[in-house]
């Protein structure tokens, strides 16, 4: 009997990036990095209350990081399928 490979859903880097625009940290949560997403949300909200330009920088970094991490997740899924 042939075993079918387990298909893991790929993650859309653009969606991960855009989710951070809707709710800071949600892009990381979408990627399964819940703790990192919550940390980014708390840091963004906390700094936004004190110094809003820092909050803007955190948003931009979170968008870039979520995009980059989605690419890594997808690459790992492809590597598992090939192996």
Foldseek 3Di string as FASTA:
>chain_A
DDDDDDQDDADALQVLLVVCVVANLVSVVSVVNNVSSVVLRCVLVVVCVPPVVVSVVSSVVSSVVSSVVSVVRRVVSVVSVVD
